[in-house]
Amino acid sequence: MRRRDGFTLIEVLIAISMLVIVMGIVYESLDAVTTATETAREQDADLRVRDFLLRSFSAGLSTVYTDPGFLNSQCQLIGKKGSGGIDSLEFCSSAPLMGGASEPGLLKHVQYGEAENKSDAKQGALVQDAGDNNASMFQSTERLIRESSEYVALAGASSGGALSKELRSVMSSSDLIESAGEVTPTWSIPVEALSFLYFDGQNWVEEWNSMNLMRMPWCIRIRVNFVRSAEESSEGGARTLVPEDEGDFQMYVPIPLAMGVRSDAATWQQILSGASSSGLNQGLVPVAGNPTSSTTSTSSGSNTVSSAGSGKQ
């Protein structure tokens, strides 16, 4: 009987088939692990961005500061509708600079809006890369401002009688605030659209100018549509935000200084115009009322991460 020196063709084919099956199982397992890891990484990055936006908007807008007479342009809240889908908002805040770069008690000027230069926007505390997607960059900048030395000297002298009246007049002067010339912390994220809406006590409006209205909005609603992948963008097209949309991210921030005025913005403007024509605008004081109740919660099945209920009386 002759001795066998190798494997038959059938044995080789069977071995190769088994190897192919095993390699296919291993590849599928590795692909599933890689996909799950990438998905978890993207979800983690998305949650970090949402958490950062929640904390940043809340810290800035809940500490809005304005001068009593609404005369200082650096202390006003100005919100404008953006032509490219990204609204702009600037205001003065009593919160410290981002990252604790300033001492407590100092004021800062905060500006939200579309970055004019994308290369400059890719520097700061939070920078999210848009990848190959030609997305717009939403940017936040903070500039430290300070009280003038004249006001500080007056404040330290005394707090009585005639000097108190003089201080009140200075607090409505443009000399109260001057630039401190400090470093300006920034952060930026790529977005498809970002909207600010302002509650005037009756309705949500798209723009706000506290110098013209001589008041702040009760609440500010913020909505964001984040950048999608190239495949998703090609399928769905550009996404804009209308008042009925919640967006990918939505939050409400109450403004404690503003609660109490019942009139909507248009009626309030008419009231101011009438008071101005009769020479009474300097002493105009809004009618106080019960402020709206505010809560912070996460609504199930929704992109809203912070909310404030505003009821009409």
Protein backbone atom coordinates (compact mmCIF):
# COMPACT_ATOMS: atom_id res chain seq x y z
CA MET A 1 0.00 0.00 0.00
CA ARG A 2 1.42 3.39 -1.06
CA ARG A 3 1.99 6.07 1.62
CA ARG A 4 0.12 9.47 1.29
CA ASP A 5 2.42 12.49 0.99
CA GLY A 6 -0.24 15.30 1.16
CA PHE A 7 -3.91 16.32 1.21
CA THR A 8 -6.46 15.62 -1.39
CA LEU A 9 -8.10 18.42 -3.37
CA ILE A 10 -11.37 17.97 -1.50
CA GLU A 11 -9.62 18.32 1.86
CA VAL A 12 -7.90 21.52 0.75
CA LEU A 13 -11.19 23.00 -0.48
CA ILE A 14 -12.91 22.12 2.76
CA ALA A 15 -10.10 23.72 4.80
CA ILE A 16 -10.18 26.88 2.70
CA SER A 17 -13.96 27.11 3.02
CA MET A 18 -13.75 26.81 6.79
CA LEU A 19 -11.01 29.45 6.89
CA VAL A 20 -13.12 31.82 4.82
CA ILE A 21 -16.11 31.32 7.12
CA VAL A 22 -14.01 31.93 10.24
CA MET A 23 -12.40 35.04 8.72
CA GLY A 24 -15.84 36.36 7.75
CA ILE A 25 -17.09 35.95 11.31
CA VAL A 26 -14.01 37.66 12.71
CA TYR A 27 -14.32 40.55 10.21
CA GLU A 28 -17.99 41.07 11.00
CA SER A 29 -17.21 41.11 14.71
CA LEU A 30 -14.40 43.62 14.29
CA ASP A 31 -16.54 45.79 12.01
CA ALA A 32 -19.39 45.77 14.54
CA VAL A 33 -17.01 46.73 17.36
CA THR A 34 -15.45 49.50 15.25
CA THR A 35 -18.86 50.87 14.25
CA ALA A 36 -20.11 50.77 17.83
CA THR A 37 -16.96 52.52 19.05
CA GLU A 38 -17.28 55.26 16.42
CA THR A 39 -20.98 55.73 17.19
CA ALA A 40 -20.25 55.98 20.92
CA ARG A 41 -17.47 58.50 20.23
CA GLU A 42 -19.81 60.65 18.11
CA GLN A 43 -22.56 60.48 20.72
CA ASP A 44 -20.10 61.42 23.45
CA ALA A 45 -18.87 64.41 21.42
CA ASP A 46 -22.49 65.44 20.74
CA LEU A 47 -23.38 65.25 24.44
CA ARG A 48 -20.31 67.26 25.39
CA VAL A 49 -21.25 70.00 22.91
CA ARG A 50 -24.85 70.07 24.18
CA ASP A 51 -23.69 70.23 27.79
CA PHE A 52 -21.23 73.00 26.96
CA LEU A 53 -23.92 75.03 25.17
CA LEU A 54 -26.33 74.55 28.08
CA ARG A 55 -23.80 75.71 30.65
CA SER A 56 -22.41 78.57 28.54
CA PHE A 57 -25.77 80.07 27.51
CA SER A 58 -27.19 79.65 31.02
CA ALA A 59 -24.19 81.25 32.75
CA GLY A 60 -24.11 84.21 30.38
CA LEU A 61 -27.78 85.05 29.88
CA SER A 62 -28.91 84.44 33.47
CA THR A 63 -26.44 87.12 34.64
CA VAL A 64 -27.39 89.82 32.12
CA TYR A 65 -26.57 93.31 33.40
CA THR A 66 -27.89 96.68 32.23
CA ASP A 67 -27.65 100.24 33.49
CA PRO A 68 -30.84 101.57 35.16
CA GLY A 69 -31.52 104.19 32.49
CA PHE A 70 -30.93 101.91 29.47
CA LEU A 71 -28.62 104.59 28.05
CA ASN A 72 -25.22 102.90 27.98
CA SER A 73 -24.78 101.10 24.66
CA GLN A 74 -22.24 98.67 26.14
CA CYS A 75 -24.78 97.47 28.71
CA GLN A 76 -27.66 96.75 26.34
CA LEU A 77 -29.06 93.53 24.95
CA ILE A 78 -29.18 93.66 21.15
CA GLY A 79 -30.55 90.68 19.22
CA LYS A 80 -30.70 90.68 15.42
CA LYS A 81 -32.05 88.23 12.87
CA GLY A 82 -29.22 86.76 10.78
CA SER A 83 -29.44 86.63 6.99
CA GLY A 84 -27.45 83.38 6.75
CA GLY A 85 -29.47 81.37 9.28
CA ILE A 86 -27.36 82.36 12.30
CA ASP A 87 -28.78 85.11 14.53
CA SER A 88 -26.59 87.49 16.50
CA LEU A 89 -26.87 88.56 20.14
CA GLU A 90 -24.74 90.84 22.29
CA PHE A 91 -25.16 91.81 25.92
CA CYS A 92 -23.34 92.69 29.13
CA SER A 93 -22.93 90.03 31.83
CA SER A 94 -21.74 90.06 35.42
CA ALA A 95 -20.42 86.47 35.18
CA PRO A 96 -16.62 85.98 35.18
CA LEU A 97 -14.80 85.44 31.91
CA MET A 98 -14.91 81.88 30.63
CA GLY A 99 -12.36 79.68 32.34
CA GLY A 100 -12.11 81.98 35.37
CA ALA A 101 -9.89 84.45 33.49
CA SER A 102 -11.27 87.44 35.44
CA GLU A 103 -12.03 88.36 39.01
CA PRO A 104 -15.61 88.06 40.33
CA GLY A 105 -17.67 91.24 40.15
CA LEU A 106 -16.23 92.58 36.90
CA LEU A 107 -18.45 92.99 33.86
CA LYS A 108 -17.92 91.48 30.44
CA HIS A 109 -19.34 92.10 26.99
CA VAL A 110 -20.55 88.90 25.28
CA GLN A 111 -21.19 88.61 21.56
CA TYR A 112 -22.78 85.63 19.79
CA GLY A 113 -22.95 85.38 16.02
CA GLU A 114 -21.54 83.94 12.81
CA ALA A 115 -17.76 84.01 12.61
CA GLU A 116 -16.54 86.29 9.85
CA ASN A 117 -13.25 84.43 9.51
CA LYS A 118 -13.46 80.63 9.81
CA SER A 119 -9.72 80.27 10.37
CA ASP A 120 -9.87 82.61 13.37
CA ALA A 121 -12.92 80.74 14.67
CA LYS A 122 -10.96 77.49 14.87
CA GLN A 123 -9.24 78.67 18.04
CA GLY A 124 -10.71 78.84 21.53
CA ALA A 125 -12.01 76.90 24.51
CA LEU A 126 -14.34 74.71 22.44
CA VAL A 127 -13.73 74.13 18.76
CA GLN A 128 -15.74 71.47 16.95
CA ASP A 129 -14.44 70.51 13.52
CA ALA A 130 -16.90 70.59 10.64
CA GLY A 131 -14.84 68.08 8.65
CA ASP A 132 -15.30 68.34 4.89
CA ASN A 133 -18.68 70.02 5.30
CA ASN A 134 -18.62 73.71 4.32
CA ALA A 135 -20.68 74.73 7.36
CA SER A 136 -21.08 78.13 8.96
CA MET A 137 -19.27 78.70 12.24
CA PHE A 138 -21.15 80.06 15.24
CA GLN A 139 -18.76 81.94 17.51
CA SER A 140 -18.88 83.43 21.00
CA THR A 141 -16.46 86.13 22.11
CA GLU A 142 -16.07 87.72 25.53
CA ARG A 143 -14.38 91.03 26.28
CA LEU A 144 -13.74 92.26 29.80
CA ILE A 145 -15.11 95.73 30.59
CA ARG A 146 -14.74 97.68 33.79
CA GLU A 147 -16.09 100.66 35.64
CA SER A 148 -14.27 103.92 35.02
CA SER A 149 -11.89 105.20 37.69
CA GLU A 150 -14.13 108.26 38.16
CA TYR A 151 -17.11 106.09 39.11
CA VAL A 152 -15.01 103.90 41.42
CA ALA A 153 -13.74 107.00 43.24
CA LEU A 154 -17.28 108.32 43.66
CA ALA A 155 -18.52 104.96 44.89
CA GLY A 156 -15.80 104.77 47.50
CA ALA A 157 -16.37 108.26 48.84
CA SER A 158 -19.85 108.09 50.32
CA SER A 159 -23.34 106.71 49.75
CA GLY A 160 -25.57 109.45 51.05
CA GLY A 161 -27.87 112.20 49.81
CA ALA A 162 -26.71 114.27 46.86
CA LEU A 163 -23.85 111.93 46.05
CA SER A 164 -26.26 109.02 45.61
CA LYS A 165 -28.20 111.07 43.04
CA GLU A 166 -24.94 111.89 41.29
CA LEU A 167 -24.02 108.20 41.22
CA ARG A 168 -27.38 107.29 39.68
CA SER A 169 -26.80 109.81 36.90
CA VAL A 170 -23.28 108.47 36.29
CA MET A 171 -24.62 104.91 36.09
CA SER A 172 -26.61 105.91 32.99
CA SER A 173 -23.62 107.59 31.39
CA SER A 174 -21.46 106.18 28.63
CA ASP A 175 -18.45 107.00 30.82
CA LEU A 176 -19.38 104.23 33.25
CA ILE A 177 -17.88 101.45 31.15
CA GLU A 178 -14.55 101.41 29.39
CA SER A 179 -12.64 98.64 27.68
CA ALA A 180 -10.21 96.76 29.89
CA GLY A 181 -8.11 95.56 26.95
CA GLU A 182 -7.86 92.01 28.28
CA VAL A 183 -7.65 88.66 26.47
CA THR A 184 -10.95 87.67 24.82
CA PRO A 185 -11.93 84.02 25.39
CA THR A 186 -13.78 82.47 22.44
CA TRP A 187 -15.48 79.23 21.45
CA SER A 188 -17.03 78.12 18.17
CA ILE A 189 -19.04 75.28 16.68
CA PRO A 190 -20.14 74.50 13.10
CA VAL A 191 -23.92 74.79 12.70
CA GLU A 192 -26.49 74.81 9.93
CA ALA A 193 -28.73 77.28 11.75
CA LEU A 194 -28.95 78.99 15.15
CA SER A 195 -31.89 81.09 16.30
CA PHE A 196 -32.64 83.40 19.23
CA LEU A 197 -36.26 84.26 20.07
CA TYR A 198 -37.28 86.79 22.75
CA PHE A 199 -40.42 86.61 24.90
CA ASP A 200 -41.90 90.08 25.54
CA GLY A 201 -44.56 88.95 28.02
CA GLN A 202 -47.11 88.12 25.33
CA ASN A 203 -45.36 86.88 22.18
CA TRP A 204 -42.06 85.53 20.88
CA VAL A 205 -40.25 88.10 18.69
CA GLU A 206 -37.22 87.62 16.44
CA GLU A 207 -35.29 90.80 17.32
CA TRP A 208 -34.69 92.84 20.47
CA ASN A 209 -33.14 96.21 21.28
CA SER A 210 -33.22 97.06 24.97
CA MET A 211 -32.14 100.67 24.33
CA ASN A 212 -35.20 101.31 22.14
CA LEU A 213 -37.64 99.30 24.30
CA MET A 214 -36.07 100.32 27.64
CA ARG A 215 -36.61 96.81 28.98
CA MET A 216 -35.26 93.28 28.73
CA PRO A 217 -37.07 90.21 27.36
CA TRP A 218 -38.67 87.89 29.90
CA CYS A 219 -37.01 84.85 28.40
CA ILE A 220 -34.71 83.90 25.51
CA ARG A 221 -35.31 80.76 23.47
CA ILE A 222 -32.27 79.22 21.77
CA ARG A 223 -32.47 76.63 18.99
CA VAL A 224 -29.63 74.99 17.08
CA ASN A 225 -29.41 72.72 14.05
CA PHE A 226 -26.06 70.98 14.13
CA VAL A 227 -24.02 70.08 11.07
CA ARG A 228 -24.92 66.78 9.42
CA SER A 229 -22.75 64.42 7.41
CA ALA A 230 -22.34 64.90 3.66
CA GLU A 231 -24.69 61.96 2.97
CA GLU A 232 -27.40 63.34 5.25
CA SER A 233 -27.04 66.82 3.78
CA SER A 234 -27.39 65.52 0.22
CA GLU A 235 -30.56 63.64 1.14
CA GLY A 236 -32.35 66.33 3.14
CA GLY A 237 -30.90 69.59 1.82
CA ALA A 238 -30.36 72.72 3.87
CA ARG A 239 -32.29 73.05 7.15
CA THR A 240 -33.58 76.38 8.39
CA LEU A 241 -35.34 77.21 11.65
CA VAL A 242 -38.90 78.54 11.80
CA PRO A 243 -40.69 79.39 15.08
CA GLU A 244 -42.49 76.03 15.10
CA ASP A 245 -39.27 73.98 14.90
CA GLU A 246 -37.48 72.65 17.97
CA GLY A 247 -34.21 72.05 16.17
CA ASP A 248 -31.56 69.53 17.19
CA PHE A 249 -31.00 71.47 20.43
CA GLN A 250 -33.38 73.79 22.27
CA MET A 251 -33.26 75.60 25.59
CA TYR A 252 -34.95 78.48 27.40
CA VAL A 253 -33.15 80.99 29.64
CA PRO A 254 -35.28 83.32 31.85
CA ILE A 255 -34.01 86.88 32.35
CA PRO A 256 -34.62 87.80 36.02
CA LEU A 257 -34.33 91.56 35.34
CA ALA A 258 -37.25 91.58 32.90
CA MET A 259 -40.13 89.72 34.54
CA GLY A 260 -43.13 91.88 35.42
CA VAL A 261 -43.96 93.86 32.26
CA ARG A 262 -47.22 92.58 30.77
CA SER A 263 -47.32 94.56 27.53
CA ASP A 264 -45.99 93.07 24.29
CA ALA A 265 -43.09 94.78 22.54
CA ALA A 266 -45.23 96.72 20.04
CA THR A 267 -47.60 98.07 22.74
CA TRP A 268 -44.68 98.88 25.01
CA GLN A 269 -43.05 100.86 22.19
CA GLN A 270 -46.26 102.87 21.79
CA ILE A 271 -46.31 103.52 25.53
CA LEU A 272 -42.73 104.77 25.38
CA SER A 273 -43.49 106.96 22.35
CA GLY A 274 -46.43 108.54 24.18
CA ALA A 275 -44.41 109.07 27.33
CA SER A 276 -41.55 110.56 25.33
CA SER A 277 -43.83 113.02 23.55
CA SER A 278 -45.21 114.17 26.91
CA GLY A 279 -41.75 114.38 28.46
CA LEU A 280 -42.32 111.56 30.94
CA ASN A 281 -39.99 108.91 29.57
CA GLN A 282 -37.20 109.64 32.04
CA GLY A 283 -39.35 108.54 34.96
CA LEU A 284 -41.20 105.71 33.26
CA VAL A 285 -41.46 102.64 35.46
CA PRO A 286 -43.08 99.39 34.23
CA VAL A 287 -46.08 98.03 36.12
CA ALA A 288 -44.93 95.21 38.36
CA GLY A 289 -46.65 91.84 38.18
CA ASN A 290 -46.18 88.28 39.23
CA PRO A 291 -43.09 86.89 37.48
CA THR A 292 -43.32 83.73 35.47
CA SER A 293 -42.24 80.53 37.13
CA SER A 294 -39.10 78.99 35.71
CA THR A 295 -37.92 75.43 35.76
CA THR A 296 -35.03 73.53 34.31
CA SER A 297 -35.82 70.05 33.06
CA THR A 298 -35.19 67.49 30.35
CA SER A 299 -38.29 66.59 28.38
CA SER A 300 -38.54 63.01 27.20
CA GLY A 301 -38.62 62.43 23.47
CA SER A 302 -37.58 66.01 22.78
CA ASN A 303 -34.43 67.99 22.09
CA THR A 304 -35.35 70.55 24.74
CA VAL A 305 -32.79 70.41 27.56
CA SER A 306 -33.82 73.45 29.59
CA SER A 307 -37.21 75.12 29.81
CA ALA A 308 -38.93 78.03 31.50
CA GLY A 309 -42.69 78.29 31.63
CA SER A 310 -44.04 81.73 30.88
CA GLY A 311 -47.73 82.13 31.62
CA LYS A 312 -49.91 85.05 30.60
CA GLN A 313 -51.85 86.86 33.26
